[in-house]
Protein backbone atom coordinates (compact mmCIF):
# COMPACT_ATOMS: atom_id res chain seq x y z
CA MET A 1 229.29 140.89 224.68
CA GLU A 2 229.39 139.46 228.12
CA ALA A 3 231.33 136.32 227.00
CA ILE A 4 233.78 138.57 225.22
CA THR A 5 234.19 140.60 228.61
CA THR A 6 234.55 137.28 230.88
CA ARG A 7 237.37 136.10 228.35
CA ARG A 8 239.17 139.35 228.62
CA ARG A 9 239.03 139.16 232.47
CA ARG A 10 240.24 135.75 232.52
CA ALA A 11 243.03 136.52 230.16
CA THR A 12 244.40 139.43 232.34
CA HIS A 13 243.93 137.75 235.51
CA PRO A 14 247.16 136.52 237.14
CA ILE A 15 245.79 133.09 237.69
CA SER A 16 245.38 132.66 233.77
CA HIS A 17 249.12 132.86 233.67
CA TYR A 18 249.46 129.95 236.06
CA TRP A 19 246.58 128.05 234.23
CA GLY A 20 248.75 128.50 231.19
CA LEU A 21 251.43 126.61 232.88
CA VAL A 22 249.78 123.60 234.25
CA LYS A 23 246.67 123.15 231.98
CA ASP A 24 248.81 120.51 229.91
CA MET A 25 249.96 118.47 232.76
CA ASP A 26 248.95 115.15 233.29
CA ASP A 27 246.16 114.44 236.19
CA SER A 28 248.79 113.15 238.70
CA GLN A 29 250.77 116.31 238.40
CA LYS A 30 247.89 118.45 238.72
CA LEU A 31 246.78 116.63 241.95
CA GLU A 32 250.21 116.73 243.44
CA LEU A 33 249.90 120.38 242.76
CA VAL A 34 246.47 120.98 244.08
CA THR A 35 247.74 119.09 247.37
CA MET A 36 250.69 121.24 247.76
CA LEU A 37 248.50 124.37 247.27
CA VAL A 38 246.05 123.15 249.74
CA CYS A 39 248.62 122.20 252.39
CA SER A 40 250.09 125.46 252.10
CA VAL A 41 246.88 127.65 253.19
CA LYS A 42 245.82 124.99 255.79
CA PRO A 43 246.59 126.37 259.35
CA ALA A 44 249.40 124.20 260.87
CA LYS A 45 248.01 121.62 263.16
CA SER A 46 249.12 122.38 266.67
CA GLU A 47 249.05 120.98 270.10
CA PRO A 48 245.68 122.08 272.00
CA LYS A 49 246.81 125.07 274.03
CA LYS A 50 247.25 124.21 277.76
CA LYS A 51 245.74 126.48 280.27
CA LEU A 52 248.45 127.76 282.33
CA ASN A 53 248.54 128.11 286.16
CA ALA A 54 250.88 129.21 288.72
CA CYS A 55 252.92 125.85 288.82
CA ASP A 56 253.87 126.46 285.43
CA TYR A 57 255.78 129.41 286.58
CA ALA A 58 257.39 127.85 289.37
CA GLY A 59 261.31 128.22 289.41
CA ILE A 60 261.47 130.62 286.42
CA TRP A 61 262.91 133.32 288.44
CA SER A 62 266.60 133.17 289.55
CA ASP A 63 267.35 133.31 293.36
CA GLU A 64 270.88 134.83 292.85
CA GLU A 65 269.23 138.31 292.87
CA TYR A 66 266.83 137.54 295.85
CA MET A 67 266.04 140.60 297.71
CA ASP A 68 264.09 140.46 300.93
CA ALA A 69 260.85 142.48 300.66
CA ASP A 70 262.09 145.11 303.35
CA GLU A 71 265.23 145.69 301.53
CA LEU A 72 263.33 146.13 298.28
CA VAL A 73 261.09 148.75 299.81
CA LYS A 74 264.14 150.50 300.98
CA GLY A 75 265.95 150.48 297.80
CA ILE A 76 262.91 151.66 295.88
CA HIS A 77 262.45 154.78 298.67
CA ASN A 78 265.99 155.31 298.37
CA ALA A 79 265.72 155.37 294.45
CA ARG A 80 263.31 157.99 294.40
CA HIS A 81 266.08 160.71 295.28
CA PHE A 82 268.30 159.70 292.46
CA LYS A 83 267.95 161.16 288.86
CA ASP A 84 270.42 158.52 287.52
CA ARG A 85 268.80 154.90 288.15
CA THR A 86 272.28 153.23 287.70
CA LYS A 87 273.37 154.80 290.98
CA PHE A 88 270.55 152.75 292.70
CA TRP A 89 271.85 149.31 291.68
CA ASP A 90 275.33 150.31 292.77
CA GLU A 91 274.28 151.24 296.32
CA LEU A 92 272.67 148.00 297.00
């Protein structure tokens, strides 16, 4: 009885469908297929992650929008009085 249940389970399992497609292939084709399947589930080899430090971020900000710290504080303080934030940038 258990053998019949196992056969039924195999017959209805989706892998059984694929086995039916590949079981008659020659061994070299099966090995190629296995290699492709294994490669599709392996994580891609990536470069070891580099630990970042402050030097990695040097120069990433544009100096065109540079604002002195005192100007920035003044701008933030003045912006508190506006309900529309776009007016803040127009005033500077």
